[in-house]
Amino acid sequence: QRQHNSGNGNRQWLRCILPETSFVKAFFLLGFQLLTLGSADKYDSLCAGIVDNSRRAAELYNSGRISDAKRVLAAAKDNFEEAVVVEPNEPQAYLDYATTMLNTNHFDQARKHFK
């Protein structure tokens, strides 16, 4: 035979579920922070890729390997575009890519990204 629990049973249930809910919230927040840290690491890596590809493109261009330099410069652009998706409000990718464009005599593109 089932007994009907009154409000007292509901309060016990509430006491049991609240610690679990707090744990779930804490776990969720920790996971979100870890994702954010991963995002920051990815952003920094992409910005480093812009700079590294820019330097490599300059070396290739100066050694007469123009088509290779263009390919590596395109990789710098890919790094920039991905970085802007990861962190659209962070300025470092814009500065790095604008400097790349300035150094490769793409002045209109440089001006656009310095703004």
C-alpha atoms as a PDB file:
ATOM      1  CA  GLN A   1       0.000   0.000   0.000  1.00  0.00           C
ATOM      2  CA  ARG A   2       1.445   3.413  -1.020  1.00  0.00           C
ATOM      3  CA  GLN A   3       1.574   6.245   1.411  1.00  0.00           C
ATOM      4  CA  HIS A   4       1.018   9.753   0.209  1.00  0.00           C
ATOM      5  CA  ASN A   5       3.822  12.090   1.286  1.00  0.00           C
ATOM      6  CA  SER A   6       2.735  15.539   2.238  1.00  0.00           C
ATOM      7  CA  GLY A   7       4.801  18.714   1.967  1.00  0.00           C
ATOM      8  CA  ASN A   8       7.399  17.201   4.322  1.00  0.00           C
ATOM      9  CA  GLY A   9       8.371  14.618   1.696  1.00  0.00           C
ATOM     10  CA  ASN A  10       8.743  17.350  -0.912  1.00  0.00           C
ATOM     11  CA  ARG A  11      11.099  19.253   1.353  1.00  0.00           C
ATOM     12  CA  GLN A  12      13.244  16.148   1.833  1.00  0.00           C
ATOM     13  CA  TRP A  13      13.362  15.674  -1.910  1.00  0.00           C
ATOM     14  CA  LEU A  14      14.343  19.326  -2.311  1.00  0.00           C
ATOM     15  CA  ARG A  15      17.146  18.944   0.241  1.00  0.00           C
ATOM     16  CA  CYS A  16      18.429  15.903  -1.616  1.00  0.00           C
ATOM     17  CA  ILE A  17      18.381  17.503  -5.044  1.00  0.00           C
ATOM     18  CA  LEU A  18      19.870  20.912  -4.161  1.00  0.00           C
ATOM     19  CA  PRO A  19      23.381  19.676  -3.331  1.00  0.00           C
ATOM     20  CA  GLU A  20      23.327  17.701  -6.573  1.00  0.00           C
ATOM     21  CA  THR A  21      22.167  20.750  -8.499  1.00  0.00           C
ATOM     22  CA  SER A  22      24.914  22.855  -6.921  1.00  0.00           C
ATOM     23  CA  PHE A  23      27.445  20.219  -7.923  1.00  0.00           C
ATOM     24  CA  VAL A  24      26.102  20.184 -11.478  1.00  0.00           C
ATOM     25  CA  LYS A  25      26.293  23.977 -11.653  1.00  0.00           C
ATOM     26  CA  ALA A  26      29.853  23.968 -10.323  1.00  0.00           C
ATOM     27  CA  PHE A  27      30.828  21.225 -12.764  1.00  0.00           C
ATOM     28  CA  PHE A  28      29.243  23.148 -15.643  1.00  0.00           C
ATOM     29  CA  LEU A  29      31.037  26.374 -14.678  1.00  0.00           C
ATOM     30  CA  LEU A  30      34.361  24.560 -14.403  1.00  0.00           C
ATOM     31  CA  GLY A  31      33.824  23.003 -17.822  1.00  0.00           C
ATOM     32  CA  PHE A  32      32.978  26.408 -19.275  1.00  0.00           C
ATOM     33  CA  GLN A  33      36.157  27.901 -17.794  1.00  0.00           C
ATOM     34  CA  LEU A  34      38.213  25.077 -19.270  1.00  0.00           C
ATOM     35  CA  LEU A  35      36.635  25.678 -22.670  1.00  0.00           C
ATOM     36  CA  THR A  36      37.436  29.363 -22.361  1.00  0.00           C
ATOM     37  CA  LEU A  37      41.050  28.570 -21.502  1.00  0.00           C
ATOM     38  CA  GLY A  38      41.233  26.275 -24.509  1.00  0.00           C
ATOM     39  CA  SER A  39      39.845  29.086 -26.609  1.00  0.00           C
ATOM     40  CA  ALA A  40      42.522  31.481 -25.326  1.00  0.00           C
ATOM     41  CA  ASP A  41      45.260  28.945 -26.070  1.00  0.00           C
ATOM     42  CA  LYS A  42      43.891  28.394 -29.560  1.00  0.00           C
ATOM     43  CA  TYR A  43      43.680  32.158 -30.151  1.00  0.00           C
ATOM     44  CA  ASP A  44      47.288  32.667 -29.023  1.00  0.00           C
ATOM     45  CA  SER A  45      48.410  29.809 -31.244  1.00  0.00           C
ATOM     46  CA  LEU A  46      46.594  31.287 -34.249  1.00  0.00           C
ATOM     47  CA  CYS A  47      48.151  34.721 -33.614  1.00  0.00           C
ATOM     48  CA  ALA A  48      51.585  33.094 -33.424  1.00  0.00           C
ATOM     49  CA  GLY A  49      50.754  31.392 -36.732  1.00  0.00           C
ATOM     50  CA  ILE A  50      50.054  34.772 -38.334  1.00  0.00           C
ATOM     51  CA  VAL A  51      53.449  36.089 -37.245  1.00  0.00           C
ATOM     52  CA  ASP A  52      55.352  32.892 -38.092  1.00  0.00           C
ATOM     53  CA  ASN A  53      53.762  32.605 -41.530  1.00  0.00           C
ATOM     54  CA  SER A  54      54.443  36.267 -42.185  1.00  0.00           C
ATOM     55  CA  ARG A  55      58.139  35.825 -41.381  1.00  0.00           C
ATOM     56  CA  ARG A  56      58.346  32.662 -43.428  1.00  0.00           C
ATOM     57  CA  ALA A  57      56.636  34.351 -46.399  1.00  0.00           C
ATOM     58  CA  ALA A  58      59.189  37.186 -46.239  1.00  0.00           C
ATOM     59  CA  GLU A  59      62.077  34.695 -46.209  1.00  0.00           C
ATOM     60  CA  LEU A  60      60.643  32.831 -49.182  1.00  0.00           C
ATOM     61  CA  TYR A  61      59.985  36.043 -51.113  1.00  0.00           C
ATOM     62  CA  ASN A  62      63.533  37.307 -50.457  1.00  0.00           C
ATOM     63  CA  SER A  63      64.978  34.008 -51.692  1.00  0.00           C
ATOM     64  CA  GLY A  64      63.011  34.285 -54.941  1.00  0.00           C
ATOM     65  CA  ARG A  65      60.387  31.652 -54.114  1.00  0.00           C
ATOM     66  CA  ILE A  66      57.427  33.912 -54.885  1.00  0.00           C
ATOM     67  CA  SER A  67      54.736  31.240 -55.327  1.00  0.00           C
ATOM     68  CA  ASP A  68      55.749  29.589 -52.039  1.00  0.00           C
ATOM     69  CA  ALA A  69      55.673  32.987 -50.335  1.00  0.00           C
ATOM     70  CA  LYS A  70      52.124  33.590 -51.600  1.00  0.00           C
ATOM     71  CA  ARG A  71      51.031  30.182 -50.317  1.00  0.00           C
ATOM     72  CA  VAL A  72      52.470  30.870 -46.859  1.00  0.00           C
ATOM     73  CA  LEU A  73      50.962  34.359 -46.844  1.00  0.00           C
ATOM     74  CA  ALA A  74      47.579  32.746 -47.573  1.00  0.00           C
ATOM     75  CA  ALA A  75      48.142  30.521 -44.517  1.00  0.00           C
ATOM     76  CA  ALA A  76      48.691  33.679 -42.431  1.00  0.00           C
ATOM     77  CA  LYS A  77      45.344  34.960 -43.698  1.00  0.00           C
ATOM     78  CA  ASP A  78      43.707  31.642 -42.773  1.00  0.00           C
ATOM     79  CA  ASN A  79      45.174  31.939 -39.260  1.00  0.00           C
ATOM     80  CA  PHE A  80      43.806  35.481 -39.004  1.00  0.00           C
ATOM     81  CA  GLU A  81      40.319  34.528 -40.175  1.00  0.00           C
ATOM     82  CA  GLU A  82      40.136  31.634 -37.741  1.00  0.00           C
ATOM     83  CA  ALA A  83      41.461  33.752 -34.848  1.00  0.00           C
ATOM     84  CA  VAL A  84      38.766  36.355 -35.455  1.00  0.00           C
ATOM     85  CA  VAL A  85      36.123  33.623 -35.252  1.00  0.00           C
ATOM     86  CA  VAL A  86      37.577  32.314 -31.966  1.00  0.00           C
ATOM     87  CA  GLU A  87      37.946  35.751 -30.308  1.00  0.00           C
ATOM     88  CA  PRO A  88      36.288  38.462 -32.423  1.00  0.00           C
ATOM     89  CA  ASN A  89      36.835  41.243 -29.863  1.00  0.00           C
ATOM     90  CA  GLU A  90      40.525  40.638 -29.179  1.00  0.00           C
ATOM     91  CA  PRO A  91      42.846  43.040 -31.030  1.00  0.00           C
ATOM     92  CA  GLN A  92      46.041  40.967 -31.330  1.00  0.00           C
ATOM     93  CA  ALA A  93      45.051  39.064 -34.483  1.00  0.00           C
ATOM     94  CA  TYR A  94      44.015  42.309 -36.177  1.00  0.00           C
ATOM     95  CA  LEU A  95      47.339  43.941 -35.269  1.00  0.00           C
ATOM     96  CA  ASP A  96      49.398  40.949 -36.367  1.00  0.00           C
ATOM     97  CA  TYR A  97      47.604  40.625 -39.682  1.00  0.00           C
ATOM     98  CA  ALA A  98      47.634  44.382 -40.304  1.00  0.00           C
ATOM     99  CA  THR A  99      51.401  44.385 -39.732  1.00  0.00           C
ATOM    100  CA  THR A 100      51.731  41.456 -42.140  1.00  0.00           C
ATOM    101  CA  MET A 101      49.770  43.364 -44.779  1.00  0.00           C
ATOM    102  CA  LEU A 102      51.853  46.494 -44.195  1.00  0.00           C
ATOM    103  CA  ASN A 103      55.112  44.561 -44.510  1.00  0.00           C
ATOM    104  CA  THR A 104      53.967  42.984 -47.773  1.00  0.00           C
ATOM    105  CA  ASN A 105      52.917  46.332 -49.281  1.00  0.00           C
ATOM    106  CA  HIS A 106      49.187  45.595 -49.103  1.00  0.00           C
ATOM    107  CA  PHE A 107      48.481  49.041 -47.701  1.00  0.00           C
ATOM    108  CA  ASP A 108      44.706  49.106 -48.149  1.00  0.00           C
ATOM    109  CA  GLN A 109      44.364  45.782 -46.339  1.00  0.00           C
ATOM    110  CA  ALA A 110      46.721  46.970 -43.600  1.00  0.00           C
ATOM    111  CA  ARG A 111      44.705  50.146 -43.055  1.00  0.00           C
ATOM    112  CA  LYS A 112      41.485  48.150 -42.909  1.00  0.00           C
ATOM    113  CA  HIS A 113      42.793  45.895 -40.128  1.00  0.00           C
ATOM    114  CA  PHE A 114      44.503  48.639 -38.133  1.00  0.00           C
ATOM    115  CA  LYS A 115      41.118  50.353 -37.636  1.00  0.00           C
END
